[in-house]
Amino acid sequence: MQPNAVAIALSRFEWAFKQSGRYLNASEACSPGMEVEDARDDLEQAVLRLPSGAQRDLGRLIARIDAEFERRTLPEPHHIELAVFGWWWTRTRER
């Protein structure tokens, strides 16, 4: 993992969740590799590498992020094969 990976991932979600409207706007997406889905991948890797106490702390934050991300995206049935990478890859934003 890169230095500050967790901080960078959290800042991507902070930026995304500041968007107005019910759903995240697909036209507001970052560059490939800089999407919030990529940030969620980074958080997943980080939580697996932390000691148990820090895992619980970051896990609680991730649970809140996941709930908000799920609330602000829609299911994408055509990308169900991406679930092997994480459920967050099977969601889509408003177009």
PDB file of N, CA and C in Angstrom:
ATOM      1  N   MET A   1       0.833  -1.179   0.000  1.00  0.00           N
ATOM      2  CA  MET A   1       0.000   0.000   0.000  1.00  0.00           C
ATOM      3  C   MET A   1       0.883   1.249   0.000  1.00  0.00           C
ATOM      4  N   GLN A   2       0.374   2.265  -0.623  1.00  0.00           N
ATOM      5  CA  GLN A   2       1.077   3.543  -0.679  1.00  0.00           C
ATOM      6  C   GLN A   2       0.979   4.266   0.666  1.00  0.00           C
ATOM      7  N   PRO A   3       1.961   5.101   0.982  1.00  0.00           N
ATOM      8  CA  PRO A   3       1.845   5.918   2.195  1.00  0.00           C
ATOM      9  C   PRO A   3       0.577   6.783   2.120  1.00  0.00           C
ATOM     10  N   ASN A   4      -0.087   6.930   3.229  1.00  0.00           N
ATOM     11  CA  ASN A   4      -1.303   7.748   3.323  1.00  0.00           C
ATOM     12  C   ASN A   4      -2.475   7.200   2.518  1.00  0.00           C
ATOM     13  N   ALA A   5      -2.436   5.926   2.152  1.00  0.00           N
ATOM     14  CA  ALA A   5      -3.494   5.342   1.320  1.00  0.00           C
ATOM     15  C   ALA A   5      -4.864   5.470   1.976  1.00  0.00           C
ATOM     16  N   VAL A   6      -4.943   5.250   3.274  1.00  0.00           N
ATOM     17  CA  VAL A   6      -6.236   5.341   3.960  1.00  0.00           C
ATOM     18  C   VAL A   6      -6.740   6.778   3.943  1.00  0.00           C
ATOM     19  N   ALA A   7      -5.884   7.730   4.240  1.00  0.00           N
ATOM     20  CA  ALA A   7      -6.282   9.143   4.235  1.00  0.00           C
ATOM     21  C   ALA A   7      -6.743   9.578   2.848  1.00  0.00           C
ATOM     22  N   ILE A   8      -6.030   9.146   1.832  1.00  0.00           N
ATOM     23  CA  ILE A   8      -6.402   9.491   0.458  1.00  0.00           C
ATOM     24  C   ILE A   8      -7.750   8.868   0.102  1.00  0.00           C
ATOM     25  N   ALA A   9      -7.944   7.605   0.462  1.00  0.00           N
ATOM     26  CA  ALA A   9      -9.216   6.929   0.175  1.00  0.00           C
ATOM     27  C   ALA A   9     -10.371   7.631   0.884  1.00  0.00           C
ATOM     28  N   LEU A  10     -10.174   7.977   2.129  1.00  0.00           N
ATOM     29  CA  LEU A  10     -11.233   8.665   2.875  1.00  0.00           C
ATOM     30  C   LEU A  10     -11.545  10.026   2.275  1.00  0.00           C
ATOM     31  N   SER A  11     -10.521  10.718   1.797  1.00  0.00           N
ATOM     32  CA  SER A  11     -10.767  12.029   1.181  1.00  0.00           C
ATOM     33  C   SER A  11     -11.542  11.891  -0.132  1.00  0.00           C
ATOM     34  N   ARG A  12     -11.340  10.805  -0.865  1.00  0.00           N
ATOM     35  CA  ARG A  12     -12.124  10.582  -2.094  1.00  0.00           C
ATOM     36  C   ARG A  12     -13.596  10.402  -1.767  1.00  0.00           C
ATOM     37  N   PHE A  13     -13.870   9.647  -0.704  1.00  0.00           N
ATOM     38  CA  PHE A  13     -15.268   9.475  -0.305  1.00  0.00           C
ATOM     39  C   PHE A  13     -15.851  10.791   0.203  1.00  0.00           C
ATOM     40  N   GLU A  14     -15.074  11.534   0.953  1.00  0.00           N
ATOM     41  CA  GLU A  14     -15.557  12.830   1.440  1.00  0.00           C
ATOM     42  C   GLU A  14     -15.938  13.716   0.266  1.00  0.00           C
ATOM     43  N   TRP A  15     -15.084  13.771  -0.752  1.00  0.00           N
ATOM     44  CA  TRP A  15     -15.362  14.565  -1.947  1.00  0.00           C
ATOM     45  C   TRP A  15     -16.626  14.067  -2.644  1.00  0.00           C
ATOM     46  N   ALA A  16     -16.727  12.761  -2.821  1.00  0.00           N
ATOM     47  CA  ALA A  16     -17.875  12.196  -3.533  1.00  0.00           C
ATOM     48  C   ALA A  16     -19.178  12.449  -2.787  1.00  0.00           C
ATOM     49  N   PHE A  17     -19.160  12.293  -1.477  1.00  0.00           N
ATOM     50  CA  PHE A  17     -20.385  12.437  -0.698  1.00  0.00           C
ATOM     51  C   PHE A  17     -20.809  13.892  -0.542  1.00  0.00           C
ATOM     52  N   LYS A  18     -19.954  14.824  -0.888  1.00  0.00           N
ATOM     53  CA  LYS A  18     -20.330  16.244  -0.865  1.00  0.00           C
ATOM     54  C   LYS A  18     -21.136  16.641  -2.093  1.00  0.00           C
ATOM     55  N   GLN A  19     -21.191  15.770  -3.097  1.00  0.00           N
ATOM     56  CA  GLN A  19     -21.968  16.075  -4.297  1.00  0.00           C
ATOM     57  C   GLN A  19     -23.431  16.261  -3.910  1.00  0.00           C
ATOM     58  N   SER A  20     -24.066  17.206  -4.536  1.00  0.00           N
ATOM     59  CA  SER A  20     -25.485  17.418  -4.267  1.00  0.00           C
ATOM     60  C   SER A  20     -26.309  16.364  -4.986  1.00  0.00           C
ATOM     61  N   GLY A  21     -27.522  16.185  -4.551  1.00  0.00           N
ATOM     62  CA  GLY A  21     -28.424  15.236  -5.189  1.00  0.00           C
ATOM     63  C   GLY A  21     -28.476  13.911  -4.468  1.00  0.00           C
ATOM     64  N   ARG A  22     -29.479  13.148  -4.813  1.00  0.00           N
ATOM     65  CA  ARG A  22     -29.714  11.851  -4.175  1.00  0.00           C
ATOM     66  C   ARG A  22     -28.649  10.836  -4.562  1.00  0.00           C
ATOM     67  N   TYR A  23     -28.285  10.819  -5.842  1.00  0.00           N
ATOM     68  CA  TYR A  23     -27.334   9.839  -6.355  1.00  0.00           C
ATOM     69  C   TYR A  23     -26.015  10.505  -6.706  1.00  0.00           C
ATOM     70  N   LEU A  24     -24.945   9.729  -6.621  1.00  0.00           N
ATOM     71  CA  LEU A  24     -23.653  10.227  -7.071  1.00  0.00           C
ATOM     72  C   LEU A  24     -23.717  10.444  -8.570  1.00  0.00           C
ATOM     73  N   ASN A  25     -23.122  11.499  -9.054  1.00  0.00           N
ATOM     74  CA  ASN A  25     -23.169  11.866 -10.453  1.00  0.00           C
ATOM     75  C   ASN A  25     -21.994  11.221 -11.187  1.00  0.00           C
ATOM     76  N   ALA A  26     -22.288  10.442 -12.204  1.00  0.00           N
ATOM     77  CA  ALA A  26     -21.235   9.753 -12.961  1.00  0.00           C
ATOM     78  C   ALA A  26     -20.328  10.740 -13.678  1.00  0.00           C
ATOM     79  N   SER A  27     -20.841  11.901 -14.064  1.00  0.00           N
ATOM     80  CA  SER A  27     -20.004  12.872 -14.764  1.00  0.00           C
ATOM     81  C   SER A  27     -19.018  13.556 -13.825  1.00  0.00           C
ATOM     82  N   GLU A  28     -19.215  13.395 -12.512  1.00  0.00           N
ATOM     83  CA  GLU A  28     -18.307  13.968 -11.522  1.00  0.00           C
ATOM     84  C   GLU A  28     -17.212  12.983 -11.121  1.00  0.00           C
ATOM     85  N   ALA A  29     -17.130  11.856 -11.798  1.00  0.00           N
ATOM     86  CA  ALA A  29     -16.164  10.814 -11.425  1.00  0.00           C
ATOM     87  C   ALA A  29     -14.736  11.284 -11.671  1.00  0.00           C
ATOM     88  N   CYS A  30     -13.841  10.741 -10.896  1.00  0.00           N
ATOM     89  CA  CYS A  30     -12.413  11.029 -11.072  1.00  0.00           C
ATOM     90  C   CYS A  30     -11.860  10.216 -12.232  1.00  0.00           C
ATOM     91  N   SER A  31     -10.590  10.321 -12.444  1.00  0.00           N
ATOM     92  CA  SER A  31      -9.906   9.554 -13.481  1.00  0.00           C
ATOM     93  C   SER A  31      -9.881   8.073 -13.116  1.00  0.00           C
ATOM     94  N   PRO A  32      -9.747   7.193 -14.106  1.00  0.00           N
ATOM     95  CA  PRO A  32      -9.609   5.766 -13.803  1.00  0.00           C
ATOM     96  C   PRO A  32      -8.472   5.543 -12.811  1.00  0.00           C
ATOM     97  N   GLY A  33      -8.732   4.678 -11.850  1.00  0.00           N
ATOM     98  CA  GLY A  33      -7.766   4.435 -10.792  1.00  0.00           C
ATOM     99  C   GLY A  33      -7.947   5.375  -9.618  1.00  0.00           C
ATOM    100  N   MET A  34      -8.761   6.398  -9.793  1.00  0.00           N
ATOM    101  CA  MET A  34      -9.006   7.386  -8.746  1.00  0.00           C
ATOM    102  C   MET A  34     -10.479   7.428  -8.351  1.00  0.00           C
ATOM    103  N   GLU A  35     -11.235   6.436  -8.772  1.00  0.00           N
ATOM    104  CA  GLU A  35     -12.656   6.374  -8.457  1.00  0.00           C
ATOM    105  C   GLU A  35     -12.860   6.007  -6.995  1.00  0.00           C
ATOM    106  N   VAL A  36     -14.055   6.258  -6.481  1.00  0.00           N
ATOM    107  CA  VAL A  36     -14.334   5.865  -5.104  1.00  0.00           C
ATOM    108  C   VAL A  36     -14.319   4.348  -4.961  1.00  0.00           C
ATOM    109  N   GLU A  37     -14.626   3.624  -6.026  1.00  0.00           N
ATOM    110  CA  GLU A  37     -14.536   2.167  -5.957  1.00  0.00           C
ATOM    111  C   GLU A  37     -13.085   1.723  -5.725  1.00  0.00           C
ATOM    112  N   ASP A  38     -12.159   2.412  -6.361  1.00  0.00           N
ATOM    113  CA  ASP A  38     -10.745   2.128  -6.128  1.00  0.00           C
ATOM    114  C   ASP A  38     -10.364   2.483  -4.690  1.00  0.00           C
ATOM    115  N   ALA A  39     -10.912   3.574  -4.198  1.00  0.00           N
ATOM    116  CA  ALA A  39     -10.660   3.970  -2.812  1.00  0.00           C
ATOM    117  C   ALA A  39     -11.204   2.918  -1.855  1.00  0.00           C
ATOM    118  N   ARG A  40     -12.368   2.354  -2.190  1.00  0.00           N
ATOM    119  CA  ARG A  40     -12.945   1.310  -1.329  1.00  0.00           C
ATOM    120  C   ARG A  40     -12.058   0.067  -1.347  1.00  0.00           C
ATOM    121  N   ASP A  41     -11.475  -0.256  -2.502  1.00  0.00           N
ATOM    122  CA  ASP A  41     -10.505  -1.358  -2.577  1.00  0.00           C
ATOM    123  C   ASP A  41      -9.342  -1.095  -1.627  1.00  0.00           C
ATOM    124  N   ASP A  42      -8.843   0.131  -1.618  1.00  0.00           N
ATOM    125  CA  ASP A  42      -7.721   0.481  -0.738  1.00  0.00           C
ATOM    126  C   ASP A  42      -8.099   0.307   0.731  1.00  0.00           C
ATOM    127  N   LEU A  43      -9.308   0.732   1.085  1.00  0.00           N
ATOM    128  CA  LEU A  43      -9.754   0.567   2.473  1.00  0.00           C
ATOM    129  C   LEU A  43      -9.861  -0.905   2.849  1.00  0.00           C
ATOM    130  N   GLU A  44     -10.315  -1.722   1.911  1.00  0.00           N
ATOM    131  CA  GLU A  44     -10.430  -3.164   2.163  1.00  0.00           C
ATOM    132  C   GLU A  44      -9.054  -3.772   2.427  1.00  0.00           C
ATOM    133  N   GLN A  45      -8.088  -3.389   1.612  1.00  0.00           N
ATOM    134  CA  GLN A  45      -6.725  -3.895   1.813  1.00  0.00           C
ATOM    135  C   GLN A  45      -6.157  -3.425   3.141  1.00  0.00           C
ATOM    136  N   ALA A  46      -6.406  -2.175   3.471  1.00  0.00           N
ATOM    137  CA  ALA A  46      -5.866  -1.618   4.713  1.00  0.00           C
ATOM    138  C   ALA A  46      -6.442  -2.312   5.935  1.00  0.00           C
ATOM    139  N   VAL A  47      -7.747  -2.516   5.952  1.00  0.00           N
ATOM    140  CA  VAL A  47      -8.381  -3.107   7.136  1.00  0.00           C
ATOM    141  C   VAL A  47      -7.874  -4.529   7.367  1.00  0.00           C
ATOM    142  N   LEU A  48      -7.535  -5.224   6.317  1.00  0.00           N
ATOM    143  CA  LEU A  48      -7.027  -6.593   6.456  1.00  0.00           C
ATOM    144  C   LEU A  48      -5.608  -6.632   7.028  1.00  0.00           C
ATOM    145  N   ARG A  49      -4.883  -5.536   6.931  1.00  0.00           N
ATOM    146  CA  ARG A  49      -3.487  -5.489   7.376  1.00  0.00           C
ATOM    147  C   ARG A  49      -3.306  -4.879   8.763  1.00  0.00           C
ATOM    148  N   LEU A  50      -4.373  -4.387   9.335  1.00  0.00           N
ATOM    149  CA  LEU A  50      -4.281  -3.705  10.628  1.00  0.00           C
ATOM    150  C   LEU A  50      -4.421  -4.669  11.794  1.00  0.00           C
ATOM    151  N   PRO A  51      -3.912  -4.296  12.951  1.00  0.00           N
ATOM    152  CA  PRO A  51      -4.165  -5.093  14.156  1.00  0.00           C
ATOM    153  C   PRO A  51      -5.654  -5.029  14.504  1.00  0.00           C
ATOM    154  N   SER A  52      -6.100  -5.966  15.314  1.00  0.00           N
ATOM    155  CA  SER A  52      -7.540  -6.140  15.547  1.00  0.00           C
ATOM    156  C   SER A  52      -8.248  -4.879  16.048  1.00  0.00           C
ATOM    157  N   GLY A  53      -7.660  -4.135  16.958  1.00  0.00           N
ATOM    158  CA  GLY A  53      -8.314  -2.924  17.457  1.00  0.00           C
ATOM    159  C   GLY A  53      -8.502  -1.889  16.367  1.00  0.00           C
ATOM    160  N   ALA A  54      -7.466  -1.678  15.577  1.00  0.00           N
ATOM    161  CA  ALA A  54      -7.545  -0.720  14.468  1.00  0.00           C
ATOM    162  C   ALA A  54      -8.485  -1.231  13.387  1.00  0.00           C
ATOM    163  N   GLN A  55      -8.542  -2.558  13.181  1.00  0.00           N
ATOM    164  CA  GLN A  55      -9.499  -3.128  12.234  1.00  0.00           C
ATOM    165  C   GLN A  55     -10.919  -2.774  12.624  1.00  0.00           C
ATOM    166  N   ARG A  56     -11.221  -2.911  13.911  1.00  0.00           N
ATOM    167  CA  ARG A  56     -12.580  -2.575  14.372  1.00  0.00           C
ATOM    168  C   ARG A  56     -12.890  -1.105  14.147  1.00  0.00           C
ATOM    169  N   ASP A  57     -11.942  -0.245  14.467  1.00  0.00           N
ATOM    170  CA  ASP A  57     -12.165   1.196  14.295  1.00  0.00           C
ATOM    171  C   ASP A  57     -12.389   1.562  12.827  1.00  0.00           C
ATOM    172  N   LEU A  58     -11.483   1.103  11.974  1.00  0.00           N
ATOM    173  CA  LEU A  58     -11.637   1.404  10.551  1.00  0.00           C
ATOM    174  C   LEU A  58     -12.867   0.696   9.994  1.00  0.00           C
ATOM    175  N   GLY A  59     -13.147  -0.497  10.483  1.00  0.00           N
ATOM    176  CA  GLY A  59     -14.326  -1.245  10.033  1.00  0.00           C
ATOM    177  C   GLY A  59     -15.616  -0.493  10.303  1.00  0.00           C
ATOM    178  N   ARG A  60     -15.714   0.167  11.459  1.00  0.00           N
ATOM    179  CA  ARG A  60     -16.915   0.959  11.755  1.00  0.00           C
ATOM    180  C   ARG A  60     -17.050   2.123  10.782  1.00  0.00           C
ATOM    181  N   LEU A  61     -15.949   2.762  10.451  1.00  0.00           N
ATOM    182  CA  LEU A  61     -15.975   3.857   9.482  1.00  0.00           C
ATOM    183  C   LEU A  61     -16.346   3.346   8.099  1.00  0.00           C
ATOM    184  N   ILE A  62     -15.790   2.213   7.715  1.00  0.00           N
ATOM    185  CA  ILE A  62     -16.107   1.615   6.411  1.00  0.00           C
ATOM    186  C   ILE A  62     -17.588   1.252   6.335  1.00  0.00           C
ATOM    187  N   ALA A  63     -18.156   0.754   7.419  1.00  0.00           N
ATOM    188  CA  ALA A  63     -19.583   0.405   7.421  1.00  0.00           C
ATOM    189  C   ALA A  63     -20.438   1.631   7.133  1.00  0.00           C
ATOM    190  N   ARG A  64     -20.077   2.772   7.701  1.00  0.00           N
ATOM    191  CA  ARG A  64     -20.831   4.005   7.431  1.00  0.00           C
ATOM    192  C   ARG A  64     -20.642   4.456   5.985  1.00  0.00           C
ATOM    193  N   ILE A  65     -19.418   4.334   5.483  1.00  0.00           N
ATOM    194  CA  ILE A  65     -19.140   4.691   4.085  1.00  0.00           C
ATOM    195  C   ILE A  65     -19.931   3.781   3.155  1.00  0.00           C
ATOM    196  N   ASP A  66     -19.921   2.479   3.436  1.00  0.00           N
ATOM    197  CA  ASP A  66     -20.648   1.527   2.593  1.00  0.00           C
ATOM    198  C   ASP A  66     -22.135   1.843   2.561  1.00  0.00           C
ATOM    199  N   ALA A  67     -22.708   2.158   3.713  1.00  0.00           N
ATOM    200  CA  ALA A  67     -24.138   2.466   3.766  1.00  0.00           C
ATOM    201  C   ALA A  67     -24.464   3.696   2.920  1.00  0.00           C
ATOM    202  N   GLU A  68     -23.642   4.721   3.025  1.00  0.00           N
ATOM    203  CA  GLU A  68     -23.880   5.938   2.238  1.00  0.00           C
ATOM    204  C   GLU A  68     -23.648   5.683   0.751  1.00  0.00           C
ATOM    205  N   PHE A  69     -22.616   4.919   0.424  1.00  0.00           N
ATOM    206  CA  PHE A  69     -22.340   4.605  -0.983  1.00  0.00           C
ATOM    207  C   PHE A  69     -23.490   3.798  -1.579  1.00  0.00           C
ATOM    208  N   GLU A  70     -23.978   2.824  -0.834  1.00  0.00           N
ATOM    209  CA  GLU A  70     -25.096   2.018  -1.335  1.00  0.00           C
ATOM    210  C   GLU A  70     -26.346   2.874  -1.492  1.00  0.00           C
ATOM    211  N   ARG A  71     -26.578   3.784  -0.556  1.00  0.00           N
ATOM    212  CA  ARG A  71     -27.751   4.655  -0.626  1.00  0.00           C
ATOM    213  C   ARG A  71     -27.691   5.594  -1.827  1.00  0.00           C
ATOM    214  N   ARG A  72     -26.484   5.992  -2.225  1.00  0.00           N
ATOM    215  CA  ARG A  72     -26.337   7.000  -3.276  1.00  0.00           C
ATOM    216  C   ARG A  72     -25.963   6.424  -4.631  1.00  0.00           C
ATOM    217  N   THR A  73     -26.054   5.102  -4.783  1.00  0.00           N
ATOM    218  CA  THR A  73     -25.807   4.446  -6.064  1.00  0.00           C
ATOM    219  C   THR A  73     -26.957   3.492  -6.352  1.00  0.00           C
ATOM    220  N   LEU A  74     -26.928   2.928  -7.543  1.00  0.00           N
ATOM    221  CA  LEU A  74     -27.972   1.998  -7.980  1.00  0.00           C
ATOM    222  C   LEU A  74     -27.353   0.658  -8.355  1.00  0.00           C
ATOM    223  N   PRO A  75     -28.109  -0.431  -8.218  1.00  0.00           N
ATOM    224  CA  PRO A  75     -27.587  -1.730  -8.659  1.00  0.00           C
ATOM    225  C   PRO A  75     -27.316  -1.709 -10.161  1.00  0.00           C
ATOM    226  N   GLU A  76     -26.250  -2.326 -10.571  1.00  0.00           N
ATOM    227  CA  GLU A  76     -25.903  -2.450 -11.991  1.00  0.00           C
ATOM    228  C   GLU A  76     -25.924  -3.930 -12.348  1.00  0.00           C
ATOM    229  N   PRO A  77     -27.068  -4.430 -12.811  1.00  0.00           N
ATOM    230  CA  PRO A  77     -27.190  -5.877 -13.052  1.00  0.00           C
ATOM    231  C   PRO A  77     -26.257  -6.417 -14.127  1.00  0.00           C
ATOM    232  N   HIS A  78     -25.790  -5.576 -15.018  1.00  0.00           N
ATOM    233  CA  HIS A  78     -24.923  -6.052 -16.098  1.00  0.00           C
ATOM    234  C   HIS A  78     -23.477  -6.235 -15.659  1.00  0.00           C
ATOM    235  N   HIS A  79     -23.161  -5.806 -14.460  1.00  0.00           N
ATOM    236  CA  HIS A  79     -21.779  -5.910 -13.972  1.00  0.00           C
ATOM    237  C   HIS A  79     -21.672  -6.832 -12.766  1.00  0.00           C
ATOM    238  N   ILE A  80     -22.579  -7.784 -12.653  1.00  0.00           N
ATOM    239  CA  ILE A  80     -22.574  -8.688 -11.508  1.00  0.00           C
ATOM    240  C   ILE A  80     -21.278  -9.501 -11.437  1.00  0.00           C
ATOM    241  N   GLU A  81     -20.637  -9.740 -12.568  1.00  0.00           N
ATOM    242  CA  GLU A  81     -19.381 -10.492 -12.558  1.00  0.00           C
ATOM    243  C   GLU A  81     -18.276  -9.724 -11.826  1.00  0.00           C
ATOM    244  N   LEU A  82     -18.454  -8.423 -11.676  1.00  0.00           N
ATOM    245  CA  LEU A  82     -17.462  -7.623 -10.957  1.00  0.00           C
ATOM    246  C   LEU A  82     -17.549  -7.814  -9.446  1.00  0.00           C
ATOM    247  N   ALA A  83     -18.554  -8.546  -8.964  1.00  0.00           N
ATOM    248  CA  ALA A  83     -18.715  -8.774  -7.527  1.00  0.00           C
ATOM    249  C   ALA A  83     -17.514  -9.500  -6.936  1.00  0.00           C
ATOM    250  N   VAL A  84     -16.765 -10.218  -7.757  1.00  0.00           N
ATOM    251  CA  VAL A  84     -15.571 -10.888  -7.233  1.00  0.00           C
ATOM    252  C   VAL A  84     -14.546  -9.871  -6.748  1.00  0.00           C
ATOM    253  N   PHE A  85     -14.621  -8.635  -7.238  1.00  0.00           N
ATOM    254  CA  PHE A  85     -13.706  -7.577  -6.814  1.00  0.00           C
ATOM    255  C   PHE A  85     -14.236  -6.829  -5.595  1.00  0.00           C
ATOM    256  N   GLY A  86     -15.508  -6.956  -5.303  1.00  0.00           N
ATOM    257  CA  GLY A  86     -16.154  -6.266  -4.191  1.00  0.00           C
ATOM    258  C   GLY A  86     -17.531  -5.808  -4.617  1.00  0.00           C
ATOM    259  N   TRP A  87     -18.491  -5.880  -3.722  1.00  0.00           N
ATOM    260  CA  TRP A  87     -19.872  -5.525  -4.077  1.00  0.00           C
ATOM    261  C   TRP A  87     -19.973  -4.101  -4.614  1.00  0.00           C
ATOM    262  N   TRP A  88     -19.074  -3.221  -4.174  1.00  0.00           N
ATOM    263  CA  TRP A  88     -19.129  -1.820  -4.590  1.00  0.00           C
ATOM    264  C   TRP A  88     -18.891  -1.644  -6.079  1.00  0.00           C
ATOM    265  N   TRP A  89     -18.291  -2.629  -6.733  1.00  0.00           N
ATOM    266  CA  TRP A  89     -18.086  -2.561  -8.184  1.00  0.00           C
ATOM    267  C   TRP A  89     -19.355  -2.914  -8.954  1.00  0.00           C
ATOM    268  N   THR A  90     -20.381  -3.416  -8.272  1.00  0.00           N
ATOM    269  CA  THR A  90     -21.634  -3.782  -8.934  1.00  0.00           C
ATOM    270  C   THR A  90     -22.673  -2.672  -8.824  1.00  0.00           C
ATOM    271  N   ARG A  91     -22.252  -1.497  -8.413  1.00  0.00           N
ATOM    272  CA  ARG A  91     -23.141  -0.349  -8.262  1.00  0.00           C
ATOM    273  C   ARG A  91     -22.851   0.664  -9.365  1.00  0.00           C
ATOM    274  N   THR A  92     -23.837   1.445  -9.716  1.00  0.00           N
ATOM    275  CA  THR A  92     -23.651   2.469 -10.733  1.00  0.00           C
ATOM    276  C   THR A  92     -24.155   3.803 -10.215  1.00  0.00           C
ATOM    277  N   ARG A  93     -23.679   4.855 -10.821  1.00  0.00           N
ATOM    278  CA  ARG A  93     -24.098   6.202 -10.460  1.00  0.00           C
ATOM    279  C   ARG A  93     -25.119   6.710 -11.446  1.00  0.00           C
ATOM    280  N   GLU A  94     -25.810   7.760 -11.071  1.00  0.00           N
ATOM    281  CA  GLU A  94     -26.768   8.393 -11.955  1.00  0.00           C
ATOM    282  C   GLU A  94     -26.037   8.894 -13.191  1.00  0.00           C
ATOM    283  N   ARG A  95     -26.647   8.712 -14.317  1.00  0.00           N
ATOM    284  CA  ARG A  95     -26.023   9.159 -15.579  1.00  0.00           C
ATOM    285  C   ARG A  95     -26.680  10.411 -16.067  1.00  0.00           C
TER     286      ARG A  95
END
